[in-house]
C-alpha atoms as a PDB file:
ATOM      1  CA  MET A   1      -0.312   0.151  -0.046  1.00  0.00           C
ATOM      2  CA  PRO A   2       1.504   3.033  -0.729  1.00  0.00           C
ATOM      3  CA  ARG A   3       2.067   6.080   1.602  1.00  0.00           C
ATOM      4  CA  PHE A   4       1.334   9.650   1.453  1.00  0.00           C
ATOM      5  CA  PHE A   5       2.481  12.713   3.267  1.00  0.00           C
ATOM      6  CA  PHE A   6       0.360  15.614   4.106  1.00  0.00           C
ATOM      7  CA  HIS A   7       2.048  18.801   4.644  1.00  0.00           C
ATOM      8  CA  TYR A   8       0.024  21.212   6.083  1.00  0.00           C
ATOM      9  CA  ARG A   9       0.329  25.546   4.822  1.00  0.00           C
ATOM     10  CA  THR A  10      -0.925  28.913   5.449  1.00  0.00           C
ATOM     11  CA  ASP A  11       0.333  32.279   4.632  1.00  0.00           C
ATOM     12  CA  ASP A  12       2.735  32.335   7.711  1.00  0.00           C
ATOM     13  CA  ASP A  13       3.601  28.078   7.844  1.00  0.00           C
ATOM     14  CA  PHE A  14       4.532  25.122   6.583  1.00  0.00           C
ATOM     15  CA  VAL A  15       4.368  21.831   8.881  1.00  0.00           C
ATOM     16  CA  VAL A  16       5.472  19.174   7.381  1.00  0.00           C
ATOM     17  CA  ASP A  17       4.199  15.059   8.030  1.00  0.00           C
ATOM     18  CA  GLU A  18       7.046  13.237   8.595  1.00  0.00           C
ATOM     19  CA  ILE A  19       5.117  10.086   9.622  1.00  0.00           C
ATOM     20  CA  GLY A  20       3.019   9.472   6.943  1.00  0.00           C
ATOM     21  CA  GLN A  21       0.015   7.493   5.909  1.00  0.00           C
ATOM     22  CA  ASP A  22      -0.675   4.318   4.358  1.00  0.00           C
ATOM     23  CA  LEU A  23      -3.860   4.608   2.055  1.00  0.00           C
ATOM     24  CA  PRO A  24      -4.929   2.341  -0.839  1.00  0.00           C
ATOM     25  CA  ASP A  25      -4.664   5.287  -3.603  1.00  0.00           C
ATOM     26  CA  VAL A  26      -4.662   9.157  -4.345  1.00  0.00           C
ATOM     27  CA  GLU A  27      -8.885   8.927  -3.531  1.00  0.00           C
ATOM     28  CA  ALA A  28      -8.692   7.931  -0.346  1.00  0.00           C
ATOM     29  CA  ALA A  29      -5.695  10.439   0.498  1.00  0.00           C
ATOM     30  CA  HIS A  30      -8.161  12.598  -0.955  1.00  0.00           C
ATOM     31  CA  GLU A  31     -10.850  12.236   1.719  1.00  0.00           C
ATOM     32  CA  GLN A  32      -7.712  11.919   4.543  1.00  0.00           C
ATOM     33  CA  ALA A  33      -6.749  15.255   3.557  1.00  0.00           C
ATOM     34  CA  ALA A  34     -10.500  16.622   3.263  1.00  0.00           C
ATOM     35  CA  ASP A  35     -10.681  14.937   7.025  1.00  0.00           C
ATOM     36  CA  ILE A  36      -7.746  16.884   8.074  1.00  0.00           C
ATOM     37  CA  GLY A  37      -8.615  20.110   6.344  1.00  0.00           C
ATOM     38  CA  ARG A  38     -11.995  20.348   8.444  1.00  0.00           C
ATOM     39  CA  THR A  39     -10.198  19.494  11.296  1.00  0.00           C
ATOM     40  CA  MET A  40      -6.724  22.357  11.301  1.00  0.00           C
ATOM     41  CA  LEU A  41     -10.142  24.631   9.695  1.00  0.00           C
ATOM     42  CA  SER A  42     -11.815  24.020  13.443  1.00  0.00           C
ATOM     43  CA  ARG A  43      -9.028  24.607  15.056  1.00  0.00           C
ATOM     44  CA  ALA A  44      -8.352  27.322  13.720  1.00  0.00           C
ATOM     45  CA  LEU A  45     -11.095  29.425  13.803  1.00  0.00           C
ATOM     46  CA  GLU A  46     -11.585  28.344  17.663  1.00  0.00           C
ATOM     47  CA  ASN A  47      -8.300  29.969  17.924  1.00  0.00           C
ATOM     48  CA  GLY A  48     -10.028  33.461  16.572  1.00  0.00           C
ATOM     49  CA  GLU A  49      -7.895  32.738  13.549  1.00  0.00           C
ATOM     50  CA  LYS A  50      -9.478  34.606  10.165  1.00  0.00           C
ATOM     51  CA  PRO A  51     -12.170  31.914   8.297  1.00  0.00           C
ATOM     52  CA  ASN A  52     -11.233  33.355   4.609  1.00  0.00           C
ATOM     53  CA  ALA A  53      -7.478  32.952   5.394  1.00  0.00           C
ATOM     54  CA  ALA A  54      -5.943  30.881   2.687  1.00  0.00           C
ATOM     55  CA  ARG A  55      -4.675  27.289   3.751  1.00  0.00           C
ATOM     56  CA  CYS A  56      -3.952  23.962   2.237  1.00  0.00           C
ATOM     57  CA  ILE A  57      -2.601  20.629   2.709  1.00  0.00           C
ATOM     58  CA  GLU A  58       0.193  19.586  -0.123  1.00  0.00           C
ATOM     59  CA  ILE A  59       0.200  15.782  -0.454  1.00  0.00           C
ATOM     60  CA  VAL A  60       3.165  13.790  -1.705  1.00  0.00           C
ATOM     61  CA  ASP A  61       3.731  10.165  -2.463  1.00  0.00           C
ATOM     62  CA  GLU A  62       7.088   8.401  -0.917  1.00  0.00           C
ATOM     63  CA  GLU A  63       9.557   9.873  -3.232  1.00  0.00           C
ATOM     64  CA  GLY A  64       8.097  13.431  -2.353  1.00  0.00           C
ATOM     65  CA  VAL A  65       5.788  13.839  -5.529  1.00  0.00           C
ATOM     66  CA  GLU A  66       3.384  16.476  -5.019  1.00  0.00           C
ATOM     67  CA  VAL A  67       0.158  13.972  -6.069  1.00  0.00           C
ATOM     68  CA  LEU A  68      -2.140  16.751  -4.624  1.00  0.00           C
ATOM     69  CA  TYR A  69      -2.745  20.327  -3.720  1.00  0.00           C
ATOM     70  CA  ILE A  70      -5.713  21.165  -1.704  1.00  0.00           C
ATOM     71  CA  VAL A  71      -6.732  24.736  -1.195  1.00  0.00           C
ATOM     72  CA  PHE A  72      -9.540  25.317   1.665  1.00  0.00           C
ATOM     73  CA  TRP A  73     -11.282  27.929   3.601  1.00  0.00           C
ATOM     74  CA  ALA A  74     -14.544  28.987   5.463  1.00  0.00           C
ATOM     75  CA  SER A  75     -16.606  31.759   3.600  1.00  0.00           C
ATOM     76  CA  ALA A  76     -19.868  32.509   4.933  1.00  0.00           C
ATOM     77  CA  SER A  77     -23.237  33.365   2.643  1.00  0.00           C
ATOM     78  CA  LYS A  78     -23.610  36.173   4.556  1.00  0.00           C
ATOM     79  CA  PRO A  79     -20.923  38.401   5.889  1.00  0.00           C
ATOM     80  CA  GLY A  80     -20.315  38.001   9.723  1.00  0.00           C
ATOM     81  CA  THR A  81     -21.810  34.544   9.611  1.00  0.00           C
ATOM     82  CA  LEU A  82     -20.203  31.562   9.525  1.00  0.00           C
ATOM     83  CA  ASP A  83     -22.287  27.844  10.337  1.00  0.00           C
ATOM     84  CA  ALA A  84     -21.419  24.236  10.191  1.00  0.00           C
ATOM     85  CA  GLU A  85     -22.857  23.557   6.970  1.00  0.00           C
ATOM     86  CA  GLU A  86     -20.643  26.323   5.576  1.00  0.00           C
ATOM     87  CA  LEU A  87     -17.953  24.536   7.013  1.00  0.00           C
ATOM     88  CA  LEU A  88     -18.561  20.954   6.149  1.00  0.00           C
ATOM     89  CA  LYS A  89     -18.796  21.618   2.019  1.00  0.00           C
ATOM     90  CA  PRO A  90     -15.804  20.316   0.527  1.00  0.00           C
ATOM     91  CA  PRO A  91     -12.664  21.650   0.317  1.00  0.00           C
ATOM     92  CA  THR A  92     -12.071  23.685  -3.255  1.00  0.00           C
ATOM     93  CA  LEU A  93      -9.104  21.430  -5.427  1.00  0.00           C
ATOM     94  CA  HIS A  94      -6.716  23.147  -7.418  1.00  0.00           C
END
């Protein structure tokens, strides 16, 4: 089973995943990254960070080759609002 690494990046930080996870394929890695993204976004919001700040997860394989780059952020339908439904939307892929 291939191993994927999930590096987390913001405008200010870059956190390298040195452990990685064994997953069956890129689709499973994408699902895992979406879960990680939701968790990281939830923590950022709990810490008072801006909901619309750009964040991404770079998924790389065992050779260090980038296989997916997922950008995500929270956005509110109305200015000044943010609800759980908005947070659970799938991340934007680039």
